[in-house]
Every structure is written in structure tokens, then in C-alpha cells.
N, C-alpha and C. Protein backbone atom coordinates (compact mmCIF):
# COMPACT_ATOMS: atom_id res chain seq x y z
N MET A 1 -62.81 14.14 -62.19
CA MET A 1 -62.23 13.75 -60.93
C MET A 1 -60.90 14.47 -60.77
N SER A 2 -60.62 14.96 -59.56
CA SER A 2 -59.40 15.73 -59.33
C SER A 2 -58.22 14.82 -59.02
N GLU A 3 -57.04 15.38 -59.24
CA GLU A 3 -55.80 14.66 -58.97
C GLU A 3 -55.62 14.47 -57.46
N PRO A 4 -55.07 13.34 -57.02
CA PRO A 4 -54.78 13.18 -55.59
C PRO A 4 -53.72 14.18 -55.15
N VAL A 5 -53.87 14.69 -53.93
CA VAL A 5 -52.95 15.69 -53.40
C VAL A 5 -51.93 15.01 -52.50
N ASN A 6 -50.67 15.31 -52.72
CA ASN A 6 -49.60 14.83 -51.85
C ASN A 6 -49.58 15.72 -50.62
N PRO A 7 -49.76 15.16 -49.39
CA PRO A 7 -49.80 15.99 -48.19
C PRO A 7 -48.55 16.85 -48.01
N GLY A 8 -47.42 16.38 -48.45
CA GLY A 8 -46.19 17.16 -48.34
C GLY A 8 -46.18 18.41 -49.18
N ASP A 9 -47.06 18.49 -50.17
CA ASP A 9 -47.12 19.66 -51.04
C ASP A 9 -48.00 20.77 -50.48
N LEU A 10 -48.70 20.52 -49.37
CA LEU A 10 -49.62 21.50 -48.81
C LEU A 10 -48.91 22.60 -48.02
N LEU A 11 -47.68 22.36 -47.62
CA LEU A 11 -46.89 23.35 -46.89
C LEU A 11 -45.63 23.67 -47.69
N ASP A 12 -45.16 24.89 -47.58
CA ASP A 12 -43.89 25.28 -48.19
C ASP A 12 -42.81 25.18 -47.12
N PHE A 13 -41.86 24.28 -47.31
CA PHE A 13 -40.79 24.08 -46.34
C PHE A 13 -39.57 24.85 -46.76
N PRO A 14 -38.80 25.36 -45.80
CA PRO A 14 -39.03 25.37 -44.35
C PRO A 14 -40.16 26.32 -43.98
N CYS A 15 -40.78 26.05 -42.82
CA CYS A 15 -41.89 26.88 -42.36
C CYS A 15 -42.01 26.82 -40.84
N GLN A 16 -42.73 27.80 -40.31
CA GLN A 16 -43.09 27.78 -38.89
C GLN A 16 -44.38 26.99 -38.77
N TYR A 17 -44.46 26.11 -37.76
CA TYR A 17 -45.63 25.26 -37.60
C TYR A 17 -45.94 25.13 -36.11
N THR A 18 -47.21 25.21 -35.76
CA THR A 18 -47.62 25.06 -34.37
C THR A 18 -48.30 23.72 -34.17
N PHE A 19 -47.75 22.93 -33.28
CA PHE A 19 -48.35 21.66 -32.87
C PHE A 19 -49.22 21.93 -31.65
N LYS A 20 -50.41 21.34 -31.63
CA LYS A 20 -51.31 21.51 -30.50
C LYS A 20 -51.79 20.15 -30.03
N ALA A 21 -51.70 19.93 -28.72
CA ALA A 21 -52.12 18.67 -28.12
C ALA A 21 -52.97 18.97 -26.90
N VAL A 22 -53.98 18.14 -26.67
CA VAL A 22 -54.84 18.26 -25.50
C VAL A 22 -54.74 16.94 -24.74
N GLY A 23 -54.56 17.05 -23.42
CA GLY A 23 -54.46 15.85 -22.60
C GLY A 23 -54.74 16.15 -21.15
N VAL A 24 -54.55 15.14 -20.31
CA VAL A 24 -54.82 15.30 -18.89
C VAL A 24 -53.83 16.29 -18.29
N SER A 25 -54.30 17.03 -17.30
CA SER A 25 -53.45 18.03 -16.66
C SER A 25 -52.30 17.38 -15.91
N GLY A 26 -51.20 18.06 -15.90
CA GLY A 26 -50.05 17.59 -15.15
C GLY A 26 -48.75 17.86 -15.87
N VAL A 27 -47.70 17.89 -15.09
CA VAL A 27 -46.38 18.17 -15.64
C VAL A 27 -45.94 17.06 -16.59
N ASN A 28 -46.31 15.82 -16.31
CA ASN A 28 -45.88 14.71 -17.16
C ASN A 28 -46.40 14.84 -18.59
N PHE A 29 -47.64 15.30 -18.74
CA PHE A 29 -48.19 15.44 -20.08
C PHE A 29 -47.47 16.53 -20.87
N SER A 30 -47.37 17.72 -20.31
CA SER A 30 -46.73 18.81 -21.03
C SER A 30 -45.25 18.51 -21.30
N ALA A 31 -44.57 17.88 -20.35
CA ALA A 31 -43.16 17.52 -20.55
C ALA A 31 -43.04 16.45 -21.64
N GLY A 32 -43.98 15.51 -21.67
CA GLY A 32 -43.96 14.46 -22.68
C GLY A 32 -44.15 15.01 -24.08
N ILE A 33 -45.09 15.94 -24.23
CA ILE A 33 -45.32 16.57 -25.54
C ILE A 33 -44.09 17.36 -25.96
N SER A 34 -43.53 18.12 -25.04
CA SER A 34 -42.34 18.90 -25.35
C SER A 34 -41.18 18.00 -25.75
N ALA A 35 -41.00 16.88 -25.06
CA ALA A 35 -39.92 15.95 -25.39
C ALA A 35 -40.14 15.31 -26.75
N ALA A 36 -41.40 14.96 -27.07
CA ALA A 36 -41.70 14.34 -28.36
C ALA A 36 -41.37 15.29 -29.51
N VAL A 37 -41.66 16.56 -29.33
CA VAL A 37 -41.37 17.55 -30.38
C VAL A 37 -39.86 17.82 -30.44
N SER A 38 -39.24 17.96 -29.29
CA SER A 38 -37.81 18.33 -29.28
C SER A 38 -36.90 17.21 -29.80
N ARG A 39 -37.39 15.97 -29.90
CA ARG A 39 -36.58 14.91 -30.49
C ARG A 39 -36.34 15.15 -31.99
N HIS A 40 -37.20 15.96 -32.61
CA HIS A 40 -37.10 16.15 -34.06
C HIS A 40 -36.92 17.60 -34.49
N ALA A 41 -37.06 18.55 -33.55
CA ALA A 41 -36.92 19.97 -33.90
C ALA A 41 -36.46 20.74 -32.67
N ALA A 42 -35.81 21.86 -32.91
CA ALA A 42 -35.39 22.72 -31.80
C ALA A 42 -36.61 23.39 -31.20
N VAL A 43 -36.74 23.29 -29.87
CA VAL A 43 -37.87 23.89 -29.16
C VAL A 43 -37.34 24.94 -28.20
N HIS A 44 -37.80 26.17 -28.36
CA HIS A 44 -37.42 27.25 -27.46
C HIS A 44 -38.49 27.38 -26.39
N GLN A 45 -38.08 27.62 -25.16
CA GLN A 45 -39.03 27.70 -24.04
C GLN A 45 -40.12 28.74 -24.27
N ASP A 46 -39.81 29.83 -24.92
CA ASP A 46 -40.83 30.87 -25.15
C ASP A 46 -41.81 30.49 -26.27
N ALA A 47 -41.58 29.36 -26.93
CA ALA A 47 -42.48 28.88 -27.99
C ALA A 47 -43.47 27.84 -27.47
N ILE A 48 -43.43 27.56 -26.16
CA ILE A 48 -44.33 26.59 -25.54
C ILE A 48 -45.40 27.33 -24.75
N HIS A 49 -46.66 27.03 -25.04
CA HIS A 49 -47.78 27.66 -24.32
C HIS A 49 -48.68 26.56 -23.77
N ILE A 50 -48.91 26.63 -22.46
CA ILE A 50 -49.75 25.64 -21.78
C ILE A 50 -50.96 26.36 -21.21
N ARG A 51 -52.14 25.83 -21.51
CA ARG A 51 -53.38 26.47 -21.03
C ARG A 51 -54.27 25.40 -20.40
N PRO A 52 -54.68 25.60 -19.14
CA PRO A 52 -55.56 24.62 -18.50
C PRO A 52 -57.01 24.78 -18.98
N SER A 53 -57.76 23.68 -18.85
CA SER A 53 -59.19 23.75 -19.17
C SER A 53 -59.92 24.49 -18.06
N GLY A 54 -61.19 24.77 -18.26
CA GLY A 54 -61.98 25.51 -17.29
C GLY A 54 -62.01 24.87 -15.91
N LYS A 55 -62.15 23.56 -15.87
CA LYS A 55 -62.20 22.85 -14.59
C LYS A 55 -60.82 22.36 -14.15
N GLY A 56 -59.82 22.52 -14.98
CA GLY A 56 -58.48 22.13 -14.62
C GLY A 56 -58.15 20.66 -14.80
N ASN A 57 -59.05 19.89 -15.40
CA ASN A 57 -58.79 18.47 -15.59
C ASN A 57 -57.90 18.19 -16.80
N TYR A 58 -57.93 19.09 -17.75
CA TYR A 58 -57.17 18.92 -18.99
C TYR A 58 -56.33 20.16 -19.25
N GLN A 59 -55.41 20.02 -20.19
CA GLN A 59 -54.61 21.17 -20.60
C GLN A 59 -54.28 21.06 -22.07
N SER A 60 -54.10 22.21 -22.70
CA SER A 60 -53.65 22.22 -24.09
C SER A 60 -52.21 22.71 -24.10
N VAL A 61 -51.43 22.08 -24.95
CA VAL A 61 -50.02 22.44 -25.10
C VAL A 61 -49.81 22.80 -26.55
N SER A 62 -49.34 24.02 -26.80
CA SER A 62 -49.03 24.49 -28.15
C SER A 62 -47.53 24.76 -28.23
N ILE A 63 -46.91 24.24 -29.28
CA ILE A 63 -45.47 24.42 -29.46
C ILE A 63 -45.21 24.82 -30.91
N MET A 64 -44.58 25.98 -31.08
CA MET A 64 -44.23 26.44 -32.42
C MET A 64 -42.77 26.11 -32.71
N VAL A 65 -42.54 25.48 -33.86
CA VAL A 65 -41.18 25.12 -34.27
C VAL A 65 -40.99 25.43 -35.75
N ARG A 66 -39.76 25.36 -36.17
CA ARG A 66 -39.43 25.51 -37.59
C ARG A 66 -39.27 24.10 -38.16
N LEU A 67 -40.05 23.80 -39.18
CA LEU A 67 -39.97 22.50 -39.85
C LEU A 67 -39.18 22.65 -41.13
N GLU A 68 -38.33 21.66 -41.39
CA GLU A 68 -37.51 21.67 -42.59
C GLU A 68 -38.12 20.82 -43.71
N ASN A 69 -38.93 19.79 -43.35
CA ASN A 69 -39.49 18.91 -44.37
C ASN A 69 -40.73 18.18 -43.83
N TYR A 70 -41.44 17.50 -44.71
CA TYR A 70 -42.67 16.80 -44.35
C TYR A 70 -42.40 15.61 -43.43
N GLN A 71 -41.29 14.93 -43.61
CA GLN A 71 -40.95 13.78 -42.76
C GLN A 71 -40.81 14.21 -41.30
N GLN A 72 -40.24 15.36 -41.07
CA GLN A 72 -40.10 15.89 -39.72
C GLN A 72 -41.48 16.10 -39.10
N LEU A 73 -42.42 16.61 -39.86
CA LEU A 73 -43.79 16.82 -39.40
C LEU A 73 -44.43 15.49 -38.98
N THR A 74 -44.33 14.49 -39.81
CA THR A 74 -44.95 13.19 -39.50
C THR A 74 -44.26 12.51 -38.33
N ASP A 75 -42.96 12.66 -38.20
CA ASP A 75 -42.23 12.08 -37.07
C ASP A 75 -42.67 12.70 -35.75
N ILE A 76 -42.87 14.00 -35.74
CA ILE A 76 -43.30 14.68 -34.51
C ILE A 76 -44.70 14.23 -34.12
N TYR A 77 -45.62 14.17 -35.08
CA TYR A 77 -46.97 13.71 -34.76
C TYR A 77 -46.95 12.27 -34.25
N ALA A 78 -46.13 11.42 -34.83
CA ALA A 78 -46.04 10.03 -34.37
C ALA A 78 -45.53 9.97 -32.93
N GLY A 79 -44.55 10.79 -32.60
CA GLY A 79 -44.02 10.83 -31.24
C GLY A 79 -45.04 11.35 -30.24
N MET A 80 -45.81 12.36 -30.63
CA MET A 80 -46.82 12.91 -29.72
C MET A 80 -47.94 11.91 -29.46
N LYS A 81 -48.26 11.06 -30.43
CA LYS A 81 -49.31 10.05 -30.24
C LYS A 81 -48.95 9.04 -29.15
N GLU A 82 -47.68 8.91 -28.83
CA GLU A 82 -47.22 7.96 -27.82
C GLU A 82 -47.24 8.51 -26.41
N VAL A 83 -47.50 9.81 -26.23
CA VAL A 83 -47.46 10.44 -24.91
C VAL A 83 -48.67 10.01 -24.08
N PRO A 84 -48.44 9.46 -22.88
CA PRO A 84 -49.55 9.05 -22.02
C PRO A 84 -50.44 10.25 -21.65
N GLY A 85 -51.73 10.03 -21.63
CA GLY A 85 -52.66 11.09 -21.26
C GLY A 85 -53.17 11.91 -22.43
N LEU A 86 -52.65 11.66 -23.63
CA LEU A 86 -53.08 12.41 -24.81
C LEU A 86 -54.55 12.11 -25.12
N LYS A 87 -55.32 13.15 -25.36
CA LYS A 87 -56.72 13.00 -25.74
C LYS A 87 -56.96 13.41 -27.19
N MET A 88 -56.22 14.44 -27.67
CA MET A 88 -56.49 14.95 -29.01
C MET A 88 -55.27 15.71 -29.54
N LEU A 89 -55.03 15.55 -30.83
CA LEU A 89 -54.03 16.35 -31.54
C LEU A 89 -54.74 17.25 -32.54
N LEU A 90 -54.33 18.48 -32.61
CA LEU A 90 -54.93 19.43 -33.56
C LEU A 90 -53.90 19.86 -34.58
């Protein structure tokens, strides 16, 4: 049987990390995701990419940031889970 893996050991910090979220289309969703990430890391406007779905009902938001530690990663994911309209985190 193998040893349990500590999730914090899977990444070498500091590192660049891209958060991806899918949710309903609209400015509120993309702004909410951006705000959730920016509460815990510096977000540059050129690091945010928004792509609509084929029919335009949904959008994906990708944000690349520099993470300093595992706690920062978990805090950002927790904040993104609270954004209204969220359907999926990748």
C-alpha cells in the first residue's frame, strides 16, 4: 500500500497557476470570479481570459496568478465556490 500524498506537496511553491471556472454568461459571473481570486492574489488584467460557449449561455473564465503557498490555493477555490452562477471549477 502506498503512502498518503499531501496535496500541498504536489506543487512547488511559488508557482504560476491557472484557475478555470465555468458559469452562466454575464458580467456578474466573470467579475465575481475575478474578485474571488484577487482577494488572495494579485490579478493582472492581461491574465484574465473569458470565452463564451457556443450558444452564449455559459462562459469560461481563466485567471493565471502567482501562488506563494497551498493555503492561498485552497482559499481561492473556496472563494470561487461562492460566486453565483458557478457551474464547474477546473
